[in-house]
Amino acid sequence: MADFPGDLDLTLDWTPETDLSVVPIDDEVSSHALIGAGGRVRVIPADES
C-alpha cells in the first residue's frame, strides 16, 4: 500500500516496532487507512495511482 504525500510527516515517526492496523474506510479516494502511533493515513494499493 502507498500513502499520500500529505501524510508523510505522520509516517516518518513510525518505526518497524510501530503497531499498525489496516482498516476499511468510506472515502472518495482511498478504501483503507493505516492507523498507528496516534496517527491515521489514507492508503491505496501500491499498483494504483
PDB file of N, CA and C in Angstrom:
ATOM      1  N   MET A   1       0.837  -1.170   0.000  1.00  0.00           N
ATOM      2  CA  MET A   1       0.000   0.000   0.000  1.00  0.00           C
ATOM      3  C   MET A   1       0.886   1.239   0.000  1.00  0.00           C
ATOM      4  N   ALA A   2       0.362   2.297  -0.552  1.00  0.00           N
ATOM      5  CA  ALA A   2       1.086   3.561  -0.621  1.00  0.00           C
ATOM      6  C   ALA A   2       0.283   4.622   0.108  1.00  0.00           C
ATOM      7  N   ASP A   3       0.987   5.495   0.813  1.00  0.00           N
ATOM      8  CA  ASP A   3       0.278   6.577   1.500  1.00  0.00           C
ATOM      9  C   ASP A   3       0.319   7.840   0.646  1.00  0.00           C
ATOM     10  N   PHE A   4      -0.391   8.840   1.079  1.00  0.00           N
ATOM     11  CA  PHE A   4      -0.476  10.093   0.340  1.00  0.00           C
ATOM     12  C   PHE A   4       0.650  11.033   0.773  1.00  0.00           C
ATOM     13  N   PRO A   5       1.224  11.812  -0.141  1.00  0.00           N
ATOM     14  CA  PRO A   5       2.340  12.698   0.196  1.00  0.00           C
ATOM     15  C   PRO A   5       2.050  13.631   1.366  1.00  0.00           C
ATOM     16  N   GLY A   6       0.837  14.082   1.518  1.00  0.00           N
ATOM     17  CA  GLY A   6       0.490  14.971   2.621  1.00  0.00           C
ATOM     18  C   GLY A   6       0.547  14.301   3.974  1.00  0.00           C
ATOM     19  N   ASP A   7       0.596  12.975   3.997  1.00  0.00           N
ATOM     20  CA  ASP A   7       0.649  12.218   5.248  1.00  0.00           C
ATOM     21  C   ASP A   7       2.066  11.818   5.631  1.00  0.00           C
ATOM     22  N   LEU A   8       3.038  12.217   4.843  1.00  0.00           N
ATOM     23  CA  LEU A   8       4.417  11.795   5.069  1.00  0.00           C
ATOM     24  C   LEU A   8       4.930  12.160   6.454  1.00  0.00           C
ATOM     25  N   ASP A   9       4.566  13.333   6.966  1.00  0.00           N
ATOM     26  CA  ASP A   9       5.057  13.742   8.278  1.00  0.00           C
ATOM     27  C   ASP A   9       4.595  12.789   9.380  1.00  0.00           C
ATOM     28  N   LEU A  10       3.430  12.174   9.235  1.00  0.00           N
ATOM     29  CA  LEU A  10       2.959  11.199  10.218  1.00  0.00           C
ATOM     30  C   LEU A  10       3.718   9.884  10.116  1.00  0.00           C
ATOM     31  N   THR A  11       3.928   9.421   8.890  1.00  0.00           N
ATOM     32  CA  THR A  11       4.558   8.114   8.717  1.00  0.00           C
ATOM     33  C   THR A  11       6.055   8.135   9.019  1.00  0.00           C
ATOM     34  N   LEU A  12       6.688   9.290   8.960  1.00  0.00           N
ATOM     35  CA  LEU A  12       8.120   9.360   9.277  1.00  0.00           C
ATOM     36  C   LEU A  12       8.411   9.009  10.729  1.00  0.00           C
ATOM     37  N   ASP A  13       7.422   9.166  11.606  1.00  0.00           N
ATOM     38  CA  ASP A  13       7.606   8.818  13.010  1.00  0.00           C
ATOM     39  C   ASP A  13       7.412   7.331  13.280  1.00  0.00           C
ATOM     40  N   TRP A  14       6.888   6.592  12.322  1.00  0.00           N
ATOM     41  CA  TRP A  14       6.661   5.165  12.520  1.00  0.00           C
ATOM     42  C   TRP A  14       7.974   4.404  12.384  1.00  0.00           C
ATOM     43  N   THR A  15       8.176   3.436  13.238  1.00  0.00           N
ATOM     44  CA  THR A  15       9.365   2.583  13.205  1.00  0.00           C
ATOM     45  C   THR A  15       8.926   1.150  12.914  1.00  0.00           C
ATOM     46  N   PRO A  16       9.870   0.246  12.683  1.00  0.00           N
ATOM     47  CA  PRO A  16       9.481  -1.160  12.472  1.00  0.00           C
ATOM     48  C   PRO A  16       8.707  -1.746  13.665  1.00  0.00           C
ATOM     49  N   GLU A  17       8.867  -1.167  14.835  1.00  0.00           N
ATOM     50  CA  GLU A  17       8.175  -1.661  16.026  1.00  0.00           C
ATOM     51  C   GLU A  17       6.770  -1.073  16.184  1.00  0.00           C
ATOM     52  N   THR A  18       6.406  -0.093  15.367  1.00  0.00           N
ATOM     53  CA  THR A  18       5.091   0.544  15.459  1.00  0.00           C
ATOM     54  C   THR A  18       4.006  -0.456  15.079  1.00  0.00           C
ATOM     55  N   ASP A  19       3.018  -0.602  15.962  1.00  0.00           N
ATOM     56  CA  ASP A  19       1.871  -1.450  15.660  1.00  0.00           C
ATOM     57  C   ASP A  19       0.941  -0.697  14.717  1.00  0.00           C
ATOM     58  N   LEU A  20       0.690  -1.288  13.559  1.00  0.00           N
ATOM     59  CA  LEU A  20      -0.190  -0.685  12.562  1.00  0.00           C
ATOM     60  C   LEU A  20      -1.416  -1.551  12.357  1.00  0.00           C
ATOM     61  N   SER A  21      -2.535  -0.906  12.125  1.00  0.00           N
ATOM     62  CA  SER A  21      -3.770  -1.603  11.784  1.00  0.00           C
ATOM     63  C   SER A  21      -4.245  -1.091  10.438  1.00  0.00           C
ATOM     64  N   VAL A  22      -4.703  -1.989   9.600  1.00  0.00           N
ATOM     65  CA  VAL A  22      -5.311  -1.620   8.327  1.00  0.00           C
ATOM     66  C   VAL A  22      -6.816  -1.723   8.517  1.00  0.00           C
ATOM     67  N   VAL A  23      -7.503  -0.622   8.297  1.00  0.00           N
ATOM     68  CA  VAL A  23      -8.953  -0.607   8.494  1.00  0.00           C
ATOM     69  C   VAL A  23      -9.644  -0.088   7.241  1.00  0.00           C
ATOM     70  N   PRO A  24     -10.775  -0.685   6.880  1.00  0.00           N
ATOM     71  CA  PRO A  24     -11.533  -0.164   5.742  1.00  0.00           C
ATOM     72  C   PRO A  24     -12.181   1.165   6.115  1.00  0.00           C
ATOM     73  N   ILE A  25     -12.212   2.084   5.157  1.00  0.00           N
ATOM     74  CA  ILE A  25     -12.856   3.381   5.375  1.00  0.00           C
ATOM     75  C   ILE A  25     -13.737   3.702   4.180  1.00  0.00           C
ATOM     76  N   ASP A  26     -14.681   4.575   4.390  1.00  0.00           N
ATOM     77  CA  ASP A  26     -15.544   5.038   3.314  1.00  0.00           C
ATOM     78  C   ASP A  26     -15.041   6.407   2.886  1.00  0.00           C
ATOM     79  N   ASP A  27     -14.173   6.410   1.889  1.00  0.00           N
ATOM     80  CA  ASP A  27     -13.519   7.637   1.446  1.00  0.00           C
ATOM     81  C   ASP A  27     -13.602   7.709  -0.072  1.00  0.00           C
ATOM     82  N   GLU A  28     -13.676   8.896  -0.590  1.00  0.00           N
ATOM     83  CA  GLU A  28     -13.783   9.113  -2.035  1.00  0.00           C
ATOM     84  C   GLU A  28     -12.533   8.661  -2.785  1.00  0.00           C
ATOM     85  N   VAL A  29     -11.376   8.761  -2.152  1.00  0.00           N
ATOM     86  CA  VAL A  29     -10.104   8.499  -2.821  1.00  0.00           C
ATOM     87  C   VAL A  29      -9.500   7.147  -2.442  1.00  0.00           C
ATOM     88  N   SER A  30      -9.615   6.757  -1.188  1.00  0.00           N
ATOM     89  CA  SER A  30      -8.985   5.517  -0.739  1.00  0.00           C
ATOM     90  C   SER A  30      -9.993   4.617  -0.047  1.00  0.00           C
ATOM     91  N   SER A  31      -9.682   3.327  -0.014  1.00  0.00           N
ATOM     92  CA  SER A  31     -10.595   2.363   0.586  1.00  0.00           C
ATOM     93  C   SER A  31     -10.153   1.910   1.971  1.00  0.00           C
ATOM     94  N   HIS A  32      -8.893   2.218   2.339  1.00  0.00           N
ATOM     95  CA  HIS A  32      -8.353   1.764   3.614  1.00  0.00           C
ATOM     96  C   HIS A  32      -7.510   2.859   4.271  1.00  0.00           C
ATOM     97  N   ALA A  33      -7.264   2.678   5.549  1.00  0.00           N
ATOM     98  CA  ALA A  33      -6.383   3.583   6.288  1.00  0.00           C
ATOM     99  C   ALA A  33      -5.443   2.744   7.144  1.00  0.00           C
ATOM    100  N   LEU A  34      -4.254   3.264   7.365  1.00  0.00           N
ATOM    101  CA  LEU A  34      -3.313   2.698   8.324  1.00  0.00           C
ATOM    102  C   LEU A  34      -3.404   3.534   9.585  1.00  0.00           C
ATOM    103  N   ILE A  35      -3.546   2.878  10.720  1.00  0.00           N
ATOM    104  CA  ILE A  35      -3.621   3.576  11.993  1.00  0.00           C
ATOM    105  C   ILE A  35      -2.479   3.076  12.860  1.00  0.00           C
ATOM    106  N   GLY A  36      -1.700   4.018  13.385  1.00  0.00           N
ATOM    107  CA  GLY A  36      -0.599   3.644  14.261  1.00  0.00           C
ATOM    108  C   GLY A  36       0.037   4.853  14.894  1.00  0.00           C
ATOM    109  N   ALA A  37       0.525   4.684  16.118  1.00  0.00           N
ATOM    110  CA  ALA A  37       1.246   5.729  16.848  1.00  0.00           C
ATOM    111  C   ALA A  37       0.480   7.048  16.877  1.00  0.00           C
ATOM    112  N   GLY A  38      -0.827   6.964  17.109  1.00  0.00           N
ATOM    113  CA  GLY A  38      -1.620   8.180  17.227  1.00  0.00           C
ATOM    114  C   GLY A  38      -1.961   8.867  15.926  1.00  0.00           C
ATOM    115  N   GLY A  39      -1.662   8.245  14.802  1.00  0.00           N
ATOM    116  CA  GLY A  39      -1.957   8.862  13.518  1.00  0.00           C
ATOM    117  C   GLY A  39      -2.745   7.940  12.609  1.00  0.00           C
ATOM    118  N   ARG A  40      -3.411   8.535  11.650  1.00  0.00           N
ATOM    119  CA  ARG A  40      -4.178   7.777  10.661  1.00  0.00           C
ATOM    120  C   ARG A  40      -3.853   8.345   9.292  1.00  0.00           C
ATOM    121  N   VAL A  41      -3.485   7.468   8.367  1.00  0.00           N
ATOM    122  CA  VAL A  41      -3.212   7.909   6.998  1.00  0.00           C
ATOM    123  C   VAL A  41      -4.025   7.067   6.021  1.00  0.00           C
ATOM    124  N   ARG A  42      -4.516   7.727   4.986  1.00  0.00           N
ATOM    125  CA  ARG A  42      -5.229   7.019   3.928  1.00  0.00           C
ATOM    126  C   ARG A  42      -4.215   6.317   3.044  1.00  0.00           C
ATOM    127  N   VAL A  43      -4.588   5.156   2.528  1.00  0.00           N
ATOM    128  CA  VAL A  43      -3.687   4.404   1.661  1.00  0.00           C
ATOM    129  C   VAL A  43      -4.459   3.833   0.476  1.00  0.00           C
ATOM    130  N   ILE A  44      -3.718   3.547  -0.569  1.00  0.00           N
ATOM    131  CA  ILE A  44      -4.250   2.867  -1.746  1.00  0.00           C
ATOM    132  C   ILE A  44      -3.307   1.721  -2.062  1.00  0.00           C
ATOM    133  N   PRO A  45      -3.766   0.700  -2.785  1.00  0.00           N
ATOM    134  CA  PRO A  45      -2.854  -0.356  -3.198  1.00  0.00           C
ATOM    135  C   PRO A  45      -1.691   0.219  -3.995  1.00  0.00           C
ATOM    136  N   ALA A  46      -0.517  -0.334  -3.835  1.00  0.00           N
ATOM    137  CA  ALA A  46       0.694   0.192  -4.465  1.00  0.00           C
ATOM    138  C   ALA A  46       0.601   0.207  -5.987  1.00  0.00           C
ATOM    139  N   ASP A  47      -0.214  -0.665  -6.564  1.00  0.00           N
ATOM    140  CA  ASP A  47      -0.297  -0.701  -8.024  1.00  0.00           C
ATOM    141  C   ASP A  47      -1.358   0.240  -8.589  1.00  0.00           C
ATOM    142  N   GLU A  48      -1.989   1.060  -7.724  1.00  0.00           N
ATOM    143  CA  GLU A  48      -2.952   2.054  -8.182  1.00  0.00           C
ATOM    144  C   GLU A  48      -2.355   3.437  -8.134  1.00  0.00           C
ATOM    145  N   SER A  49      -2.912   4.365  -8.923  1.00  0.00           N
ATOM    146  CA  SER A  49      -2.408   5.740  -8.895  1.00  0.00           C
ATOM    147  C   SER A  49      -3.501   6.688  -8.441  1.00  0.00           C
TER     148      SER A  49
END
